[in-house]
C-alpha cells in the first residue's frame, strides 16, 4: 500500500477535519467529504471549518466536497470519521466509491445502538470486507483542536492485520507532532475509545455537582475497571486498557476542558435537561448513545458496570444525578481487585 498518494476523509466534523489537516501537512493530497453541500462549499471557499474546527486554516492540499465520488476518486487511504449512529448509513452511501485496494480506517468512537457493533464491524459489512483485518481503527487521547494545530499527541491504529497497521501508520510518518503506534487488539482499542465517553459523562456529573477532585479520580479509576471488564468479556486484551486508547483517552476525556462528554455531564449535574443540552451544541455527544449500547452489552454478557448503569438511568429514566451517585456509593464493599 502506497503512503504517497491521495487520501480521503469521510466526515467533516472536528476530528475528521483535524485528521485531514494532519494528512495534508504530511504532504498528501486530501479530499474531505462533508454530508452537507453548504458546509462543503463554505469550507472550500474560506479554507476553514468554522462550525466544527474554528480558527484552523486548512492546508493547501486539502479539498472539501459533498460529492462522494469526487472525494474518493483515487484514494488509497480512506478515513471514516462520522458520528457512530450515522456510520452505517454513510458507509452504505459512499461505499461503492471506495477502491477495493484502499486502506480503510475508522476514527469514530462509539457503538451502534441497533446492533451493538463496533465501528470497524459496521464498515466491514458495508464495504464487503472481512471483519478480521479488513478495516482498522484509530483511537487515542486526541482533542481535534490541538491535533489540527500541530500540538504533540499520540494515538493508536489497530487491526488484526499488522501489515495494514504499519501501512496506515506510514501515512502519518512525516508528522512532527502526531505519533502513531500500532496494536493488533482492535476490540480493546475500539472499546476503550467508545466507553471512555460514558465515564466522562459520569465525571461531568461529579464536576457539575461540585463533589471534588477525589470523587472524579475515583470515577476515572473505577470507570477503567468496568471498561476493562466488558472489554475482556468481548475478547479484548486487558493490557490494552492501560495504554493510549484506554487509560490515556479516559483521563483526557474526563479532565480536559475541550471534552464534549465531560461538558454534557457537567451540565446534567447542574440540573439541565438532556434535551436542552443536546440542542445547545452542533457537536455529537457520543457518550449518550454509547451509554445505551454499553448497558445492553453488559446485560447480554452478564458484566457488572455500575457507573454505566447509573448513567443510563440518569440519561434515559430521569433519575436524579444525586440518587445515581448515591446508589454507586451504597454498593456492597469488596476487594479492589475483584472484577465485580
Protein backbone atom coordinates (compact mmCIF):
# COMPACT_ATOMS: atom_id res chain seq x y z
CA UNK A 1 0.00 0.00 0.00
CA UNK A 2 1.38 3.37 -1.03
CA UNK A 3 1.56 6.21 1.50
CA UNK A 4 2.37 8.86 -1.10
CA UNK A 5 -0.94 9.06 -2.99
CA UNK A 6 -4.31 10.61 -2.25
CA UNK A 7 -6.32 10.20 0.93
CA UNK A 8 -10.00 10.75 1.66
CA UNK A 9 -11.59 11.62 4.98
CA UNK A 10 -15.31 10.87 5.22
CA UNK A 11 -16.90 13.26 7.70
CA UNK A 12 -16.16 16.97 8.11
CA UNK A 13 -16.71 17.23 11.84
CA UNK A 14 -13.96 18.43 14.12
CA UNK A 15 -11.99 15.18 14.26
CA UNK A 16 -12.37 14.38 10.57
CA UNK A 17 -11.21 17.87 9.64
CA UNK A 18 -8.28 17.62 12.06
CA UNK A 19 -7.11 14.31 10.57
CA UNK A 20 -7.46 15.74 7.08
CA UNK A 21 -5.26 18.64 8.20
CA UNK A 22 -2.61 16.28 9.55
CA UNK A 23 -2.56 14.26 6.34
CA UNK A 24 -2.31 17.48 4.34
CA UNK A 25 0.55 18.72 6.49
CA UNK A 26 2.27 15.38 5.86
CA UNK A 27 2.31 16.25 2.15
CA UNK A 28 -0.61 14.16 0.95
CA UNK A 29 -3.41 15.27 -1.33
CA UNK A 30 -6.57 15.03 0.80
CA UNK A 31 -10.26 15.12 -0.06
CA UNK A 32 -12.56 15.89 2.87
CA UNK A 33 -16.17 14.78 2.36
CA UNK A 34 -18.95 16.73 4.05
CA UNK A 35 -22.51 15.44 4.13
CA UNK A 36 -23.99 18.92 3.69
CA UNK A 37 -23.22 20.72 0.44
CA UNK A 38 -23.41 24.15 2.06
CA UNK A 39 -20.78 23.18 4.63
CA UNK A 40 -18.50 21.75 1.94
CA UNK A 41 -18.78 24.92 -0.11
CA UNK A 42 -18.12 27.16 2.88
CA UNK A 43 -15.08 25.16 3.97
CA UNK A 44 -13.67 25.07 0.44
CA UNK A 45 -14.14 28.80 -0.10
CA UNK A 46 -12.99 30.06 3.31
CA UNK A 47 -10.30 27.39 3.93
CA UNK A 48 -11.65 27.00 7.46
CA UNK A 49 -14.29 24.82 9.13
CA UNK A 50 -15.75 27.43 11.46
CA UNK A 51 -18.62 25.20 12.55
CA UNK A 52 -16.59 22.25 13.86
CA UNK A 53 -12.96 23.39 14.00
CA UNK A 54 -12.84 27.20 14.24
CA UNK A 55 -9.60 29.10 13.94
CA UNK A 56 -7.69 26.46 11.95
CA UNK A 57 -6.58 27.23 8.40
CA UNK A 58 -6.73 24.20 6.15
CA UNK A 59 -3.65 23.07 4.19
CA UNK A 60 -3.50 24.00 0.52
CA UNK A 61 -3.50 20.31 -0.47
CA UNK A 62 -6.92 19.75 1.16
CA UNK A 63 -10.13 19.94 -0.86
CA UNK A 64 -13.63 19.76 0.65
CA UNK A 65 -16.55 18.37 -1.33
CA UNK A 66 -20.02 16.95 -0.80
CA UNK A 67 -19.67 14.61 -3.79
CA UNK A 68 -18.61 11.15 -2.53
CA UNK A 69 -17.37 10.00 -5.92
CA UNK A 70 -15.13 13.06 -6.19
CA UNK A 71 -13.93 12.68 -2.61
CA UNK A 72 -12.96 9.03 -3.03
CA UNK A 73 -11.52 9.21 -6.54
CA UNK A 74 -8.01 7.74 -6.44
CA UNK A 75 -7.98 7.49 -2.64
CA UNK A 76 -5.52 4.92 -1.36
CA UNK A 77 -6.33 5.70 2.27
CA UNK A 78 -9.92 6.22 3.43
CA UNK A 79 -10.60 7.51 6.94
CA UNK A 80 -14.19 7.30 8.17
CA UNK A 81 -14.88 9.94 10.81
CA UNK A 82 -18.65 10.17 11.08
CA UNK A 83 -20.86 10.01 14.19
CA UNK A 84 -21.28 6.42 15.35
CA UNK A 85 -25.03 6.23 14.78
CA UNK A 86 -24.60 7.52 11.21
CA UNK A 87 -21.72 5.21 10.26
CA UNK A 88 -23.88 2.52 8.69
CA UNK A 89 -25.90 4.95 6.62
CA UNK A 90 -22.89 6.95 5.46
CA UNK A 91 -20.73 3.94 4.62
CA UNK A 92 -23.60 2.39 2.64
CA UNK A 93 -23.94 5.64 0.67
CA UNK A 94 -20.28 6.15 -0.20
CA UNK A 95 -19.03 2.56 -0.11
CA UNK A 96 -19.39 1.96 -3.85
CA UNK A 97 -16.69 4.57 -4.47
CA UNK A 98 -14.12 3.06 -2.09
CA UNK A 99 -11.40 1.23 -4.01
CA UNK A 100 -11.06 -2.46 -3.02
CA UNK A 101 -7.32 -1.88 -2.62
CA UNK A 102 -7.66 1.19 -0.38
CA UNK A 103 -6.69 1.01 3.28
CA UNK A 104 -9.76 1.80 5.39
CA UNK A 105 -9.65 3.03 8.97
CA UNK A 106 -12.36 4.21 11.36
CA UNK A 107 -11.57 7.14 13.64
CA UNK A 108 -15.08 7.25 15.12
CA UNK A 109 -15.56 6.40 18.79
CA UNK A 110 -18.84 4.73 19.56
CA UNK A 111 -21.04 1.65 19.33
CA UNK A 112 -24.01 1.20 17.02
CA UNK A 113 -27.08 1.06 19.26
CA UNK A 114 -29.23 -1.04 16.93
CA UNK A 115 -26.67 -3.84 16.52
CA UNK A 116 -24.15 -3.23 19.38
CA UNK A 117 -21.37 -3.43 16.80
CA UNK A 118 -18.07 -1.58 16.83
CA UNK A 119 -17.42 0.87 14.00
CA UNK A 120 -14.93 -1.38 12.22
CA UNK A 121 -17.57 -4.11 12.12
CA UNK A 122 -20.13 -1.72 10.65
CA UNK A 123 -17.66 -0.66 7.98
CA UNK A 124 -16.57 -4.20 7.18
CA UNK A 125 -20.14 -5.20 6.43
CA UNK A 126 -20.93 -2.08 4.39
CA UNK A 127 -17.76 -2.34 2.32
CA UNK A 128 -17.84 -6.13 1.90
CA UNK A 129 -14.56 -6.65 3.72
CA UNK A 130 -13.54 -9.34 6.20
CA UNK A 131 -14.32 -8.38 9.77
CA UNK A 132 -10.97 -9.73 10.93
CA UNK A 133 -8.30 -7.46 9.43
CA UNK A 134 -10.30 -5.79 6.68
CA UNK A 135 -10.75 -2.46 8.45
CA UNK A 136 -8.55 -0.75 11.05
CA UNK A 137 -9.41 1.61 13.91
CA UNK A 138 -7.62 4.76 15.03
CA UNK A 139 -8.10 5.85 18.64
CA UNK A 140 -6.25 7.69 21.39
CA UNK A 141 -6.17 10.74 23.68
CA UNK A 142 -6.64 13.30 20.95
CA UNK A 143 -8.57 16.57 21.02
CA UNK A 144 -9.20 17.67 17.44
CA UNK A 145 -8.35 21.33 18.04
CA UNK A 146 -4.89 20.51 19.40
CA UNK A 147 -4.08 17.91 16.75
CA UNK A 148 -5.09 20.28 13.94
CA UNK A 149 -2.80 22.96 15.36
CA UNK A 150 0.16 20.60 15.36
CA UNK A 151 0.48 20.23 19.14
CA UNK A 152 2.17 16.99 20.28
CA UNK A 153 -0.10 13.94 20.53
CA UNK A 154 -0.02 10.15 20.29
CA UNK A 155 -2.60 7.70 19.01
CA UNK A 156 -3.02 4.02 18.10
CA UNK A 157 -4.00 2.29 14.87
CA UNK A 158 -5.28 -1.24 15.36
CA UNK A 159 -6.39 -4.22 13.33
CA UNK A 160 -5.68 -7.94 13.24
CA UNK A 161 -3.54 -7.29 10.13
CA UNK A 162 -0.17 -5.89 11.19
CA UNK A 163 0.72 -5.03 7.59
CA UNK A 164 -2.41 -2.88 7.39
CA UNK A 165 -1.48 -1.22 10.69
CA UNK A 166 2.01 -0.36 9.52
CA UNK A 167 0.71 0.86 6.18
CA UNK A 168 -1.73 3.28 7.79
CA UNK A 169 0.94 4.42 10.24
CA UNK A 170 3.21 5.30 7.33
CA UNK A 171 0.72 7.89 6.07
CA UNK A 172 1.35 9.88 9.25
CA UNK A 173 5.08 9.12 9.50
CA UNK A 174 6.23 12.59 8.44
CA UNK A 175 4.08 14.35 11.03
CA UNK A 176 6.21 16.26 13.51
CA UNK A 177 3.53 16.14 16.19
CA UNK A 178 1.20 13.13 15.87
CA UNK A 179 2.96 9.91 16.84
CA UNK A 180 1.10 6.77 15.72
CA UNK A 181 1.56 3.44 17.47
CA UNK A 182 0.19 0.08 16.29
CA UNK A 183 -1.66 -2.69 18.09
CA UNK A 184 -3.45 -5.83 16.94
CA UNK A 185 -6.16 -5.72 19.61
CA UNK A 186 -8.79 -3.81 17.65
CA UNK A 187 -11.55 -4.88 20.05
CA UNK A 188 -9.79 -3.30 23.01
CA UNK A 189 -8.77 -0.18 21.11
CA UNK A 190 -12.29 0.49 19.84
CA UNK A 191 -13.98 -0.27 23.15
CA UNK A 192 -11.58 1.98 25.05
CA UNK A 193 -12.33 4.86 22.70
CA UNK A 194 -16.09 4.33 22.87
CA UNK A 195 -16.65 3.54 26.55
CA UNK A 196 -14.49 6.33 27.96
CA UNK A 197 -17.20 8.75 26.78
CA UNK A 198 -19.67 7.09 29.15
CA UNK A 199 -17.31 7.53 32.10
CA UNK A 200 -16.64 11.13 31.06
CA UNK A 201 -20.37 11.81 31.40
CA UNK A 202 -20.19 10.48 34.97
CA UNK A 203 -17.09 12.58 35.68
CA UNK A 204 -19.05 15.56 34.40
CA UNK A 205 -21.86 14.81 36.84
CA UNK A 206 -19.32 14.89 39.65
CA UNK A 207 -17.98 18.23 38.46
CA UNK A 208 -21.42 19.73 37.95
CA UNK A 209 -22.46 18.75 41.47
CA UNK A 210 -19.15 20.14 42.84
CA UNK A 211 -18.23 16.89 44.57
CA UNK A 212 -14.48 17.44 44.31
CA UNK A 213 -11.37 16.06 42.70
CA UNK A 214 -11.22 12.95 44.89
CA UNK A 215 -14.61 11.86 43.55
CA UNK A 216 -13.55 12.50 39.98
CA UNK A 217 -10.38 10.41 40.45
CA UNK A 218 -12.47 7.58 41.88
CA UNK A 219 -14.82 7.72 38.87
CA UNK A 220 -11.90 7.57 36.42
CA UNK A 221 -10.27 4.64 38.19
CA UNK A 222 -13.39 2.59 38.75
CA UNK A 223 -14.56 3.52 35.27
CA UNK A 224 -11.43 1.95 33.85
CA UNK A 225 -12.18 -1.20 35.83
CA UNK A 226 -15.62 -1.62 34.31
CA UNK A 227 -14.44 -0.75 30.80
CA UNK A 228 -11.82 -3.47 31.18
CA UNK A 229 -14.37 -5.99 32.46
CA UNK A 230 -16.59 -5.52 29.43
CA UNK A 231 -13.62 -5.48 27.08
CA UNK A 232 -12.22 -8.77 28.39
CA UNK A 233 -15.68 -10.34 28.13
CA UNK A 234 -15.73 -9.32 24.46
CA UNK A 235 -12.30 -10.81 23.77
CA UNK A 236 -10.00 -7.80 24.29
CA UNK A 237 -6.58 -7.89 25.94
CA UNK A 238 -6.80 -6.31 29.41
CA UNK A 239 -3.42 -4.65 28.89
CA UNK A 240 -4.81 -2.59 26.00
CA UNK A 241 -6.82 -0.56 28.51
CA UNK A 242 -3.63 0.54 30.27
CA UNK A 243 -2.45 2.20 27.04
CA UNK A 244 -3.21 5.26 24.96
CA UNK A 245 -6.61 4.11 23.72
CA UNK A 246 -7.65 3.08 27.23
CA UNK A 247 -6.33 4.98 30.24
CA UNK A 248 -4.83 7.72 28.08
CA UNK A 249 -8.08 8.59 26.35
CA UNK A 250 -10.10 8.11 29.53
CA UNK A 251 -8.01 10.57 31.56
CA UNK A 252 -8.05 13.18 28.80
CA UNK A 253 -11.80 12.97 28.25
CA UNK A 254 -12.60 13.03 31.97
CA UNK A 255 -10.37 16.03 32.74
CA UNK A 256 -9.80 18.06 29.57
CA UNK A 257 -11.91 21.17 29.17
CA UNK A 258 -12.31 20.51 25.43
CA UNK A 259 -14.25 17.30 26.17
CA UNK A 260 -17.84 17.42 24.90
CA UNK A 261 -18.88 14.48 27.05
CA UNK A 262 -17.40 15.99 30.21
CA UNK A 263 -19.22 19.23 29.40
CA UNK A 264 -22.53 17.44 28.84
CA UNK A 265 -22.21 15.51 32.09
CA UNK A 266 -21.34 18.71 33.94
CA UNK A 267 -24.44 20.42 32.59
CA UNK A 268 -26.56 17.43 33.67
CA UNK A 269 -25.03 17.68 37.12
CA UNK A 270 -26.09 21.34 37.27
CA UNK A 271 -29.67 20.33 36.59
CA UNK A 272 -30.14 20.99 32.88
CA UNK A 273 -32.19 18.52 30.85
CA UNK A 274 -30.56 16.22 28.32
CA UNK A 275 -32.72 17.58 25.51
CA UNK A 276 -31.68 21.15 26.32
CA UNK A 277 -28.00 20.21 26.46
CA UNK A 278 -28.01 18.38 23.12
CA UNK A 279 -29.95 21.18 21.45
CA UNK A 280 -27.31 23.66 22.58
CA UNK A 281 -24.40 22.23 20.58
CA UNK A 282 -23.82 21.33 16.92
CA UNK A 283 -21.42 18.60 18.08
CA UNK A 284 -22.43 14.99 18.69
CA UNK A 285 -22.12 13.89 22.32
CA UNK A 286 -21.17 10.29 21.56
CA UNK A 287 -21.36 9.15 25.18
CA UNK A 288 -25.15 9.38 25.19
CA UNK A 289 -25.71 6.74 22.52
CA UNK A 290 -22.77 4.67 23.74
CA UNK A 291 -24.26 4.54 27.24
CA UNK A 292 -27.36 2.85 25.85
CA UNK A 293 -25.32 0.39 23.80
CA UNK A 294 -22.90 -0.37 26.64
CA UNK A 295 -25.77 -1.06 29.04
CA UNK A 296 -27.28 -3.51 26.56
CA UNK A 297 -23.94 -5.25 26.03
CA UNK A 298 -23.31 -5.50 29.76
CA UNK A 299 -26.71 -7.11 30.29
CA UNK A 300 -26.20 -9.50 27.38
CA UNK A 301 -22.78 -10.62 28.64
CA UNK A 302 -23.56 -10.56 32.35
CA UNK A 303 -20.92 -7.92 33.10
CA UNK A 304 -21.39 -5.62 36.07
CA UNK A 305 -20.95 -1.95 35.11
CA UNK A 306 -22.37 0.16 37.95
CA UNK A 307 -21.28 3.57 36.66
CA UNK A 308 -22.66 2.83 33.21
CA UNK A 309 -25.90 1.52 34.67
CA UNK A 310 -26.44 4.62 36.79
CA UNK A 311 -25.54 6.92 33.90
CA UNK A 312 -28.09 5.08 31.78
CA UNK A 313 -30.77 5.71 34.39
CA UNK A 314 -29.91 9.40 34.56
CA UNK A 315 -29.99 9.81 30.78
CA UNK A 316 -32.99 7.70 29.88
CA UNK A 317 -35.04 7.12 33.04
CA UNK A 318 -34.93 10.59 34.54
CA UNK A 319 -33.08 9.52 37.67
CA UNK A 320 -31.62 12.48 39.59
CA UNK A 321 -27.81 12.62 39.43
CA UNK A 322 -27.56 12.74 43.24
CA UNK A 323 -29.51 9.49 43.56
CA UNK A 324 -27.39 7.81 40.88
CA UNK A 325 -24.12 8.62 42.62
CA UNK A 326 -25.55 7.60 45.99
CA UNK A 327 -26.51 4.24 44.50
CA UNK A 328 -22.90 3.66 43.46
CA UNK A 329 -21.63 4.52 46.94
CA UNK A 330 -24.13 2.14 48.58
CA UNK A 331 -22.88 -0.89 46.66
CA UNK A 332 -21.54 -3.77 48.75
CA UNK A 333 -17.90 -3.50 49.84
CA UNK A 334 -15.29 -5.68 48.13
CA UNK A 335 -11.62 -6.14 47.32
CA UNK A 336 -10.41 -3.61 44.73
CA UNK A 337 -9.01 -6.39 42.56
CA UNK A 338 -12.35 -8.15 42.19
CA UNK A 339 -13.83 -7.99 38.71
CA UNK A 340 -17.29 -7.27 40.08
